[in-house]
């Protein structure tokens, strides 16, 4: 299975869920009634319609019958979509170190045709060098372990497994192959200067990371801009976010907001539109890509 196929399975799951929702609403059937018909809860129907769970063919068949879909061609197309939606993504082999809420994001990321990101804390994961990623992951895991120890009654420190750190870094490097693949998406990134000046790792790690940004920003599908301190306050006051757009016309754009213990996926048109305006303003206020490279070269000399 290729990365494109497994990433596409997430998109197909979302597409199937949205079609099932439209069919249910057209019939005026409640989620509770739909859940009862397949021996499931209302929340299970909600998760299915959001594309956050896999689909059993029997459940899809029963729902289509309940929704009055009798045309064999239409039923066959939706059942085929259900089968394709259940493909296992390549990232499932990293499930031992991958939070469940992040698996959906990786699938969406791999299926996107346009990825727009704003970062302020550190370099975006798709642009990190292995050494920088290692420093970020290790720092994050130690912080999480420290909090866990603080909540523990024993008060004992929780050890960070080096193997787990290495696995998470390997996952991040695997994700990065997307930017250099045959079906690479357009990637537009605005980095706050704070992300470039906050050290992760030693001096050589930071020098290697900045040089990597200069190099990868030359790729035709990558647009990298730096929001300098000298600009002052700007539109990105709410913090980091990612916007994903897809080639499928009936799949809306998604805004991804990562939190400490989970993530939010916004797809309501009015919410997405606000983030689009912020991203456009950030890109307009930043130095252009060529000037941003010059800024990076200046930072490299100072590092």
C-alpha atoms as a PDB file:
ATOM      1  CA  UNK A   1       0.000   0.000   0.000  1.00  0.00           C
ATOM      2  CA  UNK A   2       1.374   3.438  -0.877  1.00  0.00           C
ATOM      3  CA  UNK A   3       1.340   6.427   1.441  1.00  0.00           C
ATOM      4  CA  UNK A   4      -1.170   8.069  -0.876  1.00  0.00           C
ATOM      5  CA  UNK A   5      -3.569   5.158  -0.622  1.00  0.00           C
ATOM      6  CA  UNK A   6      -3.429   4.964   3.161  1.00  0.00           C
ATOM      7  CA  UNK A   7      -3.763   8.738   3.555  1.00  0.00           C
ATOM      8  CA  UNK A   8      -6.646   8.713   1.119  1.00  0.00           C
ATOM      9  CA  UNK A   9      -8.464   6.244   3.336  1.00  0.00           C
ATOM     10  CA  UNK A  10      -8.938   8.984   5.942  1.00  0.00           C
ATOM     11  CA  UNK A  11     -10.418  11.303   3.331  1.00  0.00           C
ATOM     12  CA  UNK A  12     -12.708   8.534   2.089  1.00  0.00           C
ATOM     13  CA  UNK A  13     -13.860   7.916   5.657  1.00  0.00           C
ATOM     14  CA  UNK A  14     -14.770  11.576   6.018  1.00  0.00           C
ATOM     15  CA  UNK A  15     -16.488  11.640   2.630  1.00  0.00           C
ATOM     16  CA  UNK A  16     -18.526   8.543   3.436  1.00  0.00           C
ATOM     17  CA  UNK A  17     -19.469   9.937   6.827  1.00  0.00           C
ATOM     18  CA  UNK A  18     -20.660  13.210   5.338  1.00  0.00           C
ATOM     19  CA  UNK A  19     -22.737  11.359   2.717  1.00  0.00           C
ATOM     20  CA  UNK A  20     -24.345   9.206   5.377  1.00  0.00           C
ATOM     21  CA  UNK A  21     -25.142  12.323   7.378  1.00  0.00           C
ATOM     22  CA  UNK A  22     -26.788  13.980   4.369  1.00  0.00           C
ATOM     23  CA  UNK A  23     -28.867  10.861   3.689  1.00  0.00           C
ATOM     24  CA  UNK A  24     -29.971  10.676   7.321  1.00  0.00           C
ATOM     25  CA  UNK A  25     -30.925  14.338   7.505  1.00  0.00           C
ATOM     26  CA  UNK A  26     -32.802  14.152   4.197  1.00  0.00           C
ATOM     27  CA  UNK A  27     -34.995  11.449   5.736  1.00  0.00           C
ATOM     28  CA  UNK A  28     -35.441  13.360   8.979  1.00  0.00           C
ATOM     29  CA  UNK A  29     -33.979  10.497  11.011  1.00  0.00           C
ATOM     30  CA  UNK A  30     -32.283  11.261  14.333  1.00  0.00           C
ATOM     31  CA  UNK A  31     -28.845   9.989  15.232  1.00  0.00           C
ATOM     32  CA  UNK A  32     -30.435   8.066  18.079  1.00  0.00           C
ATOM     33  CA  UNK A  33     -32.777   6.232  15.699  1.00  0.00           C
ATOM     34  CA  UNK A  34     -29.922   5.544  13.287  1.00  0.00           C
ATOM     35  CA  UNK A  35     -27.814   4.161  16.119  1.00  0.00           C
ATOM     36  CA  UNK A  36     -30.647   1.898  17.258  1.00  0.00           C
ATOM     37  CA  UNK A  37     -30.925   0.422  13.766  1.00  0.00           C
ATOM     38  CA  UNK A  38     -27.310  -0.800  13.879  1.00  0.00           C
ATOM     39  CA  UNK A  39     -27.275  -1.673  17.587  1.00  0.00           C
ATOM     40  CA  UNK A  40     -25.069   1.292  18.424  1.00  0.00           C
ATOM     41  CA  UNK A  41     -25.238   4.558  20.328  1.00  0.00           C
ATOM     42  CA  UNK A  42     -26.019   8.042  19.100  1.00  0.00           C
ATOM     43  CA  UNK A  43     -22.376   8.998  19.734  1.00  0.00           C
ATOM     44  CA  UNK A  44     -21.225   6.144  17.469  1.00  0.00           C
ATOM     45  CA  UNK A  45     -23.323   7.577  14.622  1.00  0.00           C
ATOM     46  CA  UNK A  46     -21.811  11.000  15.314  1.00  0.00           C
ATOM     47  CA  UNK A  47     -18.276   9.594  15.122  1.00  0.00           C
ATOM     48  CA  UNK A  48     -19.116   7.730  11.913  1.00  0.00           C
ATOM     49  CA  UNK A  49     -20.486  10.868  10.293  1.00  0.00           C
ATOM     50  CA  UNK A  50     -17.370  12.790  11.259  1.00  0.00           C
ATOM     51  CA  UNK A  51     -15.182  10.052   9.757  1.00  0.00           C
ATOM     52  CA  UNK A  52     -13.438   9.302  13.030  1.00  0.00           C
ATOM     53  CA  UNK A  53     -14.075   5.561  13.163  1.00  0.00           C
ATOM     54  CA  UNK A  54     -13.857   2.688  10.713  1.00  0.00           C
ATOM     55  CA  UNK A  55     -16.974   1.356   9.002  1.00  0.00           C
ATOM     56  CA  UNK A  56     -18.436  -2.133   9.115  1.00  0.00           C
ATOM     57  CA  UNK A  57     -20.031  -3.116   5.814  1.00  0.00           C
ATOM     58  CA  UNK A  58     -23.060  -4.506   7.644  1.00  0.00           C
ATOM     59  CA  UNK A  59     -23.607  -1.208   9.461  1.00  0.00           C
ATOM     60  CA  UNK A  60     -23.371   0.785   6.234  1.00  0.00           C
ATOM     61  CA  UNK A  61     -25.793  -1.614   4.518  1.00  0.00           C
ATOM     62  CA  UNK A  62     -28.310  -1.310   7.366  1.00  0.00           C
ATOM     63  CA  UNK A  63     -28.047   2.476   7.411  1.00  0.00           C
ATOM     64  CA  UNK A  64     -28.524   2.722   3.649  1.00  0.00           C
ATOM     65  CA  UNK A  65     -31.655   0.575   3.954  1.00  0.00           C
ATOM     66  CA  UNK A  66     -32.939   2.786   6.783  1.00  0.00           C
ATOM     67  CA  UNK A  67     -32.261   5.887   4.698  1.00  0.00           C
ATOM     68  CA  UNK A  68     -34.181   4.473   1.739  1.00  0.00           C
ATOM     69  CA  UNK A  69     -31.211   3.946  -0.582  1.00  0.00           C
ATOM     70  CA  UNK A  70     -32.375   1.046  -2.746  1.00  0.00           C
ATOM     71  CA  UNK A  71     -30.548   1.706  -6.029  1.00  0.00           C
ATOM     72  CA  UNK A  72     -27.918  -1.023  -6.305  1.00  0.00           C
ATOM     73  CA  UNK A  73     -25.465   1.209  -8.140  1.00  0.00           C
ATOM     74  CA  UNK A  74     -25.612   3.882  -5.423  1.00  0.00           C
ATOM     75  CA  UNK A  75     -25.415   1.287  -2.660  1.00  0.00           C
ATOM     76  CA  UNK A  76     -22.478  -0.399  -4.356  1.00  0.00           C
ATOM     77  CA  UNK A  77     -20.550   2.867  -4.690  1.00  0.00           C
ATOM     78  CA  UNK A  78     -21.010   3.709  -1.012  1.00  0.00           C
ATOM     79  CA  UNK A  79     -20.121   0.193   0.148  1.00  0.00           C
ATOM     80  CA  UNK A  80     -17.010   0.299  -2.012  1.00  0.00           C
ATOM     81  CA  UNK A  81     -16.117   3.631  -0.412  1.00  0.00           C
ATOM     82  CA  UNK A  82     -16.549   2.001   3.015  1.00  0.00           C
ATOM     83  CA  UNK A  83     -14.123  -0.763   2.049  1.00  0.00           C
ATOM     84  CA  UNK A  84     -11.524   1.730   0.807  1.00  0.00           C
ATOM     85  CA  UNK A  85     -12.002   3.851   3.934  1.00  0.00           C
ATOM     86  CA  UNK A  86     -10.914   0.956   6.122  1.00  0.00           C
ATOM     87  CA  UNK A  87      -7.417   0.700   4.663  1.00  0.00           C
ATOM     88  CA  UNK A  88      -4.785   0.787   7.388  1.00  0.00           C
ATOM     89  CA  UNK A  89      -2.477   3.797   7.233  1.00  0.00           C
ATOM     90  CA  UNK A  90       1.315   3.370   7.244  1.00  0.00           C
ATOM     91  CA  UNK A  91       1.439   5.327  10.499  1.00  0.00           C
ATOM     92  CA  UNK A  92      -0.420   2.586  12.390  1.00  0.00           C
ATOM     93  CA  UNK A  93       2.911   0.796  12.764  1.00  0.00           C
ATOM     94  CA  UNK A  94       3.845   3.689  15.064  1.00  0.00           C
ATOM     95  CA  UNK A  95       0.702   3.378  17.188  1.00  0.00           C
ATOM     96  CA  UNK A  96       2.824   2.520  20.231  1.00  0.00           C
ATOM     97  CA  UNK A  97       4.129   6.112  20.348  1.00  0.00           C
ATOM     98  CA  UNK A  98       1.407   7.915  18.389  1.00  0.00           C
ATOM     99  CA  UNK A  99      -1.543   9.514  20.218  1.00  0.00           C
ATOM    100  CA  UNK A 100      -4.852   8.331  18.819  1.00  0.00           C
ATOM    101  CA  UNK A 101      -6.015  11.888  18.163  1.00  0.00           C
ATOM    102  CA  UNK A 102      -2.964  12.560  15.964  1.00  0.00           C
ATOM    103  CA  UNK A 103      -3.573   9.619  13.630  1.00  0.00           C
ATOM    104  CA  UNK A 104      -6.441  11.432  11.914  1.00  0.00           C
ATOM    105  CA  UNK A 105      -4.209  14.427  11.317  1.00  0.00           C
ATOM    106  CA  UNK A 106      -1.461  12.376   9.658  1.00  0.00           C
ATOM    107  CA  UNK A 107      -4.002  10.874   7.292  1.00  0.00           C
ATOM    108  CA  UNK A 108      -5.405  14.296   6.409  1.00  0.00           C
ATOM    109  CA  UNK A 109      -1.921  15.759   6.023  1.00  0.00           C
ATOM    110  CA  UNK A 110      -0.971  13.013   3.599  1.00  0.00           C
ATOM    111  CA  UNK A 111      -4.108  13.567   1.511  1.00  0.00           C
ATOM    112  CA  UNK A 112      -3.940  17.378   1.356  1.00  0.00           C
ATOM    113  CA  UNK A 113      -3.061  19.244  -1.831  1.00  0.00           C
ATOM    114  CA  UNK A 114      -2.355  22.492   0.046  1.00  0.00           C
ATOM    115  CA  UNK A 115      -0.943  22.817   3.575  1.00  0.00           C
ATOM    116  CA  UNK A 116      -0.691  26.240   5.218  1.00  0.00           C
ATOM    117  CA  UNK A 117       0.895  26.594   8.653  1.00  0.00           C
ATOM    118  CA  UNK A 118       1.832  29.271  11.153  1.00  0.00           C
ATOM    119  CA  UNK A 119       4.324  28.351  13.884  1.00  0.00           C
ATOM    120  CA  UNK A 120       5.645  30.317  16.826  1.00  0.00           C
ATOM    121  CA  UNK A 121       7.115  27.838  19.334  1.00  0.00           C
ATOM    122  CA  UNK A 122       9.346  25.731  17.106  1.00  0.00           C
ATOM    123  CA  UNK A 123      10.007  24.771  13.488  1.00  0.00           C
ATOM    124  CA  UNK A 124       7.114  22.937  11.847  1.00  0.00           C
ATOM    125  CA  UNK A 125       7.500  19.153  12.005  1.00  0.00           C
ATOM    126  CA  UNK A 126       7.663  18.770   8.218  1.00  0.00           C
ATOM    127  CA  UNK A 127      10.686  21.078   8.112  1.00  0.00           C
ATOM    128  CA  UNK A 128      12.711  19.756  11.054  1.00  0.00           C
ATOM    129  CA  UNK A 129      16.104  18.135  10.724  1.00  0.00           C
ATOM    130  CA  UNK A 130      16.597  14.810  12.483  1.00  0.00           C
ATOM    131  CA  UNK A 131      18.800  16.377  15.176  1.00  0.00           C
ATOM    132  CA  UNK A 132      16.376  19.238  15.820  1.00  0.00           C
ATOM    133  CA  UNK A 133      13.397  16.850  15.871  1.00  0.00           C
ATOM    134  CA  UNK A 134      15.226  14.684  18.380  1.00  0.00           C
ATOM    135  CA  UNK A 135      15.767  17.686  20.670  1.00  0.00           C
ATOM    136  CA  UNK A 136      12.119  18.788  20.378  1.00  0.00           C
ATOM    137  CA  UNK A 137      10.698  15.309  20.982  1.00  0.00           C
ATOM    138  CA  UNK A 138      12.990  14.592  23.912  1.00  0.00           C
ATOM    139  CA  UNK A 139      12.168  17.944  25.521  1.00  0.00           C
ATOM    140  CA  UNK A 140       8.431  17.346  25.048  1.00  0.00           C
ATOM    141  CA  UNK A 141       8.524  13.820  26.450  1.00  0.00           C
ATOM    142  CA  UNK A 142      10.550  14.892  29.473  1.00  0.00           C
ATOM    143  CA  UNK A 143       8.075  17.666  30.189  1.00  0.00           C
ATOM    144  CA  UNK A 144       5.168  15.229  29.924  1.00  0.00           C
ATOM    145  CA  UNK A 145       6.964  12.728  32.153  1.00  0.00           C
ATOM    146  CA  UNK A 146       7.617  15.442  34.721  1.00  0.00           C
ATOM    147  CA  UNK A 147       3.939  16.333  34.861  1.00  0.00           C
ATOM    148  CA  UNK A 148       3.019  12.667  35.197  1.00  0.00           C
ATOM    149  CA  UNK A 149       5.478  12.317  38.090  1.00  0.00           C
ATOM    150  CA  UNK A 150       3.974  15.346  39.751  1.00  0.00           C
ATOM    151  CA  UNK A 151       0.523  13.758  39.609  1.00  0.00           C
ATOM    152  CA  UNK A 152       1.820  10.417  40.878  1.00  0.00           C
ATOM    153  CA  UNK A 153       1.274   9.666  44.547  1.00  0.00           C
ATOM    154  CA  UNK A 154       4.712   8.096  44.776  1.00  0.00           C
ATOM    155  CA  UNK A 155       6.352  11.228  43.408  1.00  0.00           C
ATOM    156  CA  UNK A 156       8.876   9.090  41.557  1.00  0.00           C
ATOM    157  CA  UNK A 157      10.323  10.479  38.364  1.00  0.00           C
ATOM    158  CA  UNK A 158       9.026   8.861  35.175  1.00  0.00           C
ATOM    159  CA  UNK A 159      11.862   7.779  32.892  1.00  0.00           C
ATOM    160  CA  UNK A 160      11.816   8.761  29.230  1.00  0.00           C
ATOM    161  CA  UNK A 161      12.532   5.803  26.983  1.00  0.00           C
ATOM    162  CA  UNK A 162      15.204   6.565  24.398  1.00  0.00           C
ATOM    163  CA  UNK A 163      13.611   3.978  22.147  1.00  0.00           C
ATOM    164  CA  UNK A 164      10.311   5.890  22.270  1.00  0.00           C
ATOM    165  CA  UNK A 165      12.113   9.138  21.451  1.00  0.00           C
ATOM    166  CA  UNK A 166      13.771   7.492  18.454  1.00  0.00           C
ATOM    167  CA  UNK A 167      10.444   6.047  17.275  1.00  0.00           C
ATOM    168  CA  UNK A 168       8.719   9.430  17.411  1.00  0.00           C
ATOM    169  CA  UNK A 169      11.566  11.032  15.498  1.00  0.00           C
ATOM    170  CA  UNK A 170      11.392   8.245  12.895  1.00  0.00           C
ATOM    171  CA  UNK A 171       7.660   8.918  12.496  1.00  0.00           C
ATOM    172  CA  UNK A 172       8.341  12.623  11.939  1.00  0.00           C
ATOM    173  CA  UNK A 173      10.988  11.868   9.318  1.00  0.00           C
ATOM    174  CA  UNK A 174       8.593   9.488   7.571  1.00  0.00           C
ATOM    175  CA  UNK A 175       5.982  12.254   7.399  1.00  0.00           C
ATOM    176  CA  UNK A 176       8.533  14.578   5.791  1.00  0.00           C
ATOM    177  CA  UNK A 177       8.798  12.351   2.719  1.00  0.00           C
ATOM    178  CA  UNK A 178       5.486  13.892   1.683  1.00  0.00           C
ATOM    179  CA  UNK A 179       7.145  17.179   0.694  1.00  0.00           C
ATOM    180  CA  UNK A 180       9.506  15.498  -1.782  1.00  0.00           C
ATOM    181  CA  UNK A 181       7.138  12.862  -3.149  1.00  0.00           C
ATOM    182  CA  UNK A 182       5.704  12.795  -6.674  1.00  0.00           C
ATOM    183  CA  UNK A 183       2.370  14.040  -5.354  1.00  0.00           C
ATOM    184  CA  UNK A 184       3.870  16.605  -3.000  1.00  0.00           C
ATOM    185  CA  UNK A 185       1.380  19.214  -1.776  1.00  0.00           C
ATOM    186  CA  UNK A 186       1.888  22.948  -1.972  1.00  0.00           C
ATOM    187  CA  UNK A 187       3.334  23.845   1.431  1.00  0.00           C
ATOM    188  CA  UNK A 188       3.144  27.421   2.712  1.00  0.00           C
ATOM    189  CA  UNK A 189       4.707  28.182   6.088  1.00  0.00           C
ATOM    190  CA  UNK A 190       5.017  31.328   8.163  1.00  0.00           C
ATOM    191  CA  UNK A 191       7.541  31.011  10.994  1.00  0.00           C
ATOM    192  CA  UNK A 192       7.621  33.562  13.747  1.00  0.00           C
ATOM    193  CA  UNK A 193      11.203  34.650  14.393  1.00  0.00           C
ATOM    194  CA  UNK A 194      10.775  33.344  17.947  1.00  0.00           C
ATOM    195  CA  UNK A 195      10.747  29.792  16.563  1.00  0.00           C
ATOM    196  CA  UNK A 196      14.135  30.410  14.957  1.00  0.00           C
ATOM    197  CA  UNK A 197      15.770  31.994  17.988  1.00  0.00           C
ATOM    198  CA  UNK A 198      14.551  29.527  20.610  1.00  0.00           C
ATOM    199  CA  UNK A 199      17.311  26.895  20.796  1.00  0.00           C
ATOM    200  CA  UNK A 200      16.547  23.201  20.700  1.00  0.00           C
ATOM    201  CA  UNK A 201      19.759  21.250  20.931  1.00  0.00           C
ATOM    202  CA  UNK A 202      23.222  22.810  20.767  1.00  0.00           C
ATOM    203  CA  UNK A 203      24.664  25.403  18.388  1.00  0.00           C
ATOM    204  CA  UNK A 204      25.402  22.898  15.632  1.00  0.00           C
ATOM    205  CA  UNK A 205      21.844  21.552  15.776  1.00  0.00           C
ATOM    206  CA  UNK A 206      20.420  25.049  15.312  1.00  0.00           C
ATOM    207  CA  UNK A 207      22.863  25.884  12.517  1.00  0.00           C
ATOM    208  CA  UNK A 208      21.924  22.683  10.729  1.00  0.00           C
ATOM    209  CA  UNK A 209      18.235  23.450  11.145  1.00  0.00           C
ATOM    210  CA  UNK A 210      18.481  26.977   9.774  1.00  0.00           C
ATOM    211  CA  UNK A 211      20.559  25.785   6.799  1.00  0.00           C
ATOM    212  CA  UNK A 212      17.938  23.110   6.122  1.00  0.00           C
ATOM    213  CA  UNK A 213      15.231  25.779   6.059  1.00  0.00           C
ATOM    214  CA  UNK A 214      17.239  27.787   3.529  1.00  0.00           C
ATOM    215  CA  UNK A 215      17.688  24.708   1.338  1.00  0.00           C
ATOM    216  CA  UNK A 216      14.137  23.378   1.470  1.00  0.00           C
ATOM    217  CA  UNK A 217      12.653  26.830   0.881  1.00  0.00           C
ATOM    218  CA  UNK A 218      14.120  26.637  -2.625  1.00  0.00           C
ATOM    219  CA  UNK A 219      11.810  23.754  -3.524  1.00  0.00           C
ATOM    220  CA  UNK A 220       9.092  24.814  -5.999  1.00  0.00           C
ATOM    221  CA  UNK A 221       6.258  23.490  -3.796  1.00  0.00           C
ATOM    222  CA  UNK A 222       7.523  25.165  -0.601  1.00  0.00           C
ATOM    223  CA  UNK A 223       6.936  28.800   0.355  1.00  0.00           C
ATOM    224  CA  UNK A 224       8.652  29.801   3.584  1.00  0.00           C
ATOM    225  CA  UNK A 225       8.310  33.234   5.159  1.00  0.00           C
ATOM    226  CA  UNK A 226       9.607  34.601   8.438  1.00  0.00           C
ATOM    227  CA  UNK A 227       7.626  37.031  10.595  1.00  0.00           C
ATOM    228  CA  UNK A 228      10.416  39.207  12.090  1.00  0.00           C
ATOM    229  CA  UNK A 229      10.404  40.696  15.579  1.00  0.00           C
ATOM    230  CA  UNK A 230      10.778  44.121  13.996  1.00  0.00           C
ATOM    231  CA  UNK A 231       7.228  43.952  12.617  1.00  0.00           C
ATOM    232  CA  UNK A 232       5.760  44.017  16.123  1.00  0.00           C
ATOM    233  CA  UNK A 233       2.233  42.748  16.771  1.00  0.00           C
ATOM    234  CA  UNK A 234       0.607  40.808  13.955  1.00  0.00           C
ATOM    235  CA  UNK A 235      -2.451  38.759  12.984  1.00  0.00           C
ATOM    236  CA  UNK A 236      -1.158  35.474  14.445  1.00  0.00           C
ATOM    237  CA  UNK A 237      -2.019  36.460  17.999  1.00  0.00           C
ATOM    238  CA  UNK A 238      -4.074  33.315  18.664  1.00  0.00           C
ATOM    239  CA  UNK A 239      -1.070  31.005  18.214  1.00  0.00           C
ATOM    240  CA  UNK A 240      -0.019  28.215  15.881  1.00  0.00           C
ATOM    241  CA  UNK A 241      -2.441  26.591  13.443  1.00  0.00           C
ATOM    242  CA  UNK A 242      -2.489  24.432  10.326  1.00  0.00           C
ATOM    243  CA  UNK A 243      -4.898  24.649   7.383  1.00  0.00           C
ATOM    244  CA  UNK A 244      -5.443  21.661   5.098  1.00  0.00           C
ATOM    245  CA  UNK A 245      -7.093  21.808   1.673  1.00  0.00           C
ATOM    246  CA  UNK A 246      -7.951  18.771  -0.446  1.00  0.00           C
ATOM    247  CA  UNK A 247      -8.367  18.011  -4.149  1.00  0.00           C
ATOM    248  CA  UNK A 248     -11.790  16.453  -3.533  1.00  0.00           C
ATOM    249  CA  UNK A 249     -14.377  19.148  -4.265  1.00  0.00           C
ATOM    250  CA  UNK A 250     -16.873  17.889  -1.687  1.00  0.00           C
ATOM    251  CA  UNK A 251     -14.369  17.882   1.194  1.00  0.00           C
ATOM    252  CA  UNK A 252     -14.142  21.189   3.009  1.00  0.00           C
ATOM    253  CA  UNK A 253     -10.934  22.793   4.238  1.00  0.00           C
ATOM    254  CA  UNK A 254      -9.892  21.862   7.771  1.00  0.00           C
ATOM    255  CA  UNK A 255      -8.152  23.969  10.415  1.00  0.00           C
ATOM    256  CA  UNK A 256      -6.109  21.876  12.842  1.00  0.00           C
ATOM    257  CA  UNK A 257      -5.378  23.225  16.317  1.00  0.00           C
ATOM    258  CA  UNK A 258      -3.163  21.065  18.516  1.00  0.00           C
ATOM    259  CA  UNK A 259      -3.552  21.052  22.290  1.00  0.00           C
ATOM    260  CA  UNK A 260      -1.739  19.328  25.140  1.00  0.00           C
ATOM    261  CA  UNK A 261      -4.011  16.283  25.291  1.00  0.00           C
ATOM    262  CA  UNK A 262      -5.879  16.390  22.005  1.00  0.00           C
ATOM    263  CA  UNK A 263      -6.699  18.460  18.963  1.00  0.00           C
ATOM    264  CA  UNK A 264      -9.502  20.463  17.393  1.00  0.00           C
ATOM    265  CA  UNK A 265     -10.556  20.099  13.764  1.00  0.00           C
ATOM    266  CA  UNK A 266     -12.542  23.090  12.514  1.00  0.00           C
ATOM    267  CA  UNK A 267     -14.388  22.774   9.219  1.00  0.00           C
ATOM    268  CA  UNK A 268     -17.302  25.215   9.491  1.00  0.00           C
ATOM    269  CA  UNK A 269     -17.030  27.643   6.618  1.00  0.00           C
ATOM    270  CA  UNK A 270     -17.160  30.774   8.767  1.00  0.00           C
ATOM    271  CA  UNK A 271     -14.446  29.475  11.117  1.00  0.00           C
ATOM    272  CA  UNK A 272     -12.158  28.405   8.288  1.00  0.00           C
ATOM    273  CA  UNK A 273     -12.675  31.782   6.607  1.00  0.00           C
ATOM    274  CA  UNK A 274     -11.351  33.592   9.693  1.00  0.00           C
ATOM    275  CA  UNK A 275      -8.157  31.543   9.656  1.00  0.00           C
ATOM    276  CA  UNK A 276      -7.800  32.091   5.910  1.00  0.00           C
ATOM    277  CA  UNK A 277      -7.921  35.851   6.494  1.00  0.00           C
ATOM    278  CA  UNK A 278      -5.320  35.598   9.263  1.00  0.00           C
ATOM    279  CA  UNK A 279      -3.011  33.467   7.094  1.00  0.00           C
ATOM    280  CA  UNK A 280      -3.355  35.855   4.157  1.00  0.00           C
ATOM    281  CA  UNK A 281      -2.570  38.804   6.422  1.00  0.00           C
ATOM    282  CA  UNK A 282       0.475  37.044   7.896  1.00  0.00           C
ATOM    283  CA  UNK A 283       1.799  36.217   4.432  1.00  0.00           C
ATOM    284  CA  UNK A 284       1.188  39.760   3.250  1.00  0.00           C
ATOM    285  CA  UNK A 285       2.940  41.336   6.249  1.00  0.00           C
ATOM    286  CA  UNK A 286       5.987  39.022   6.174  1.00  0.00           C
ATOM    287  CA  UNK A 287       9.047  39.639   4.037  1.00  0.00           C
ATOM    288  CA  UNK A 288       8.682  37.733   0.765  1.00  0.00           C
ATOM    289  CA  UNK A 289      10.302  34.266   0.426  1.00  0.00           C
ATOM    290  CA  UNK A 290      13.565  35.648  -1.029  1.00  0.00           C
ATOM    291  CA  UNK A 291      13.914  38.263   1.720  1.00  0.00           C
ATOM    292  CA  UNK A 292      13.007  35.635   4.316  1.00  0.00           C
ATOM    293  CA  UNK A 293      15.900  33.495   3.043  1.00  0.00           C
ATOM    294  CA  UNK A 294      18.177  36.485   3.511  1.00  0.00           C
ATOM    295  CA  UNK A 295      16.889  36.810   7.073  1.00  0.00           C
ATOM    296  CA  UNK A 296      17.670  33.129   7.638  1.00  0.00           C
ATOM    297  CA  UNK A 297      21.169  33.584   6.256  1.00  0.00           C
ATOM    298  CA  UNK A 298      21.674  36.464   8.666  1.00  0.00           C
ATOM    299  CA  UNK A 299      20.551  34.309  11.586  1.00  0.00           C
ATOM    300  CA  UNK A 300      22.874  31.531  10.432  1.00  0.00           C
ATOM    301  CA  UNK A 301      25.841  33.889  10.688  1.00  0.00           C
ATOM    302  CA  UNK A 302      24.821  34.867  14.205  1.00  0.00           C
ATOM    303  CA  UNK A 303      24.202  31.311  15.419  1.00  0.00           C
END
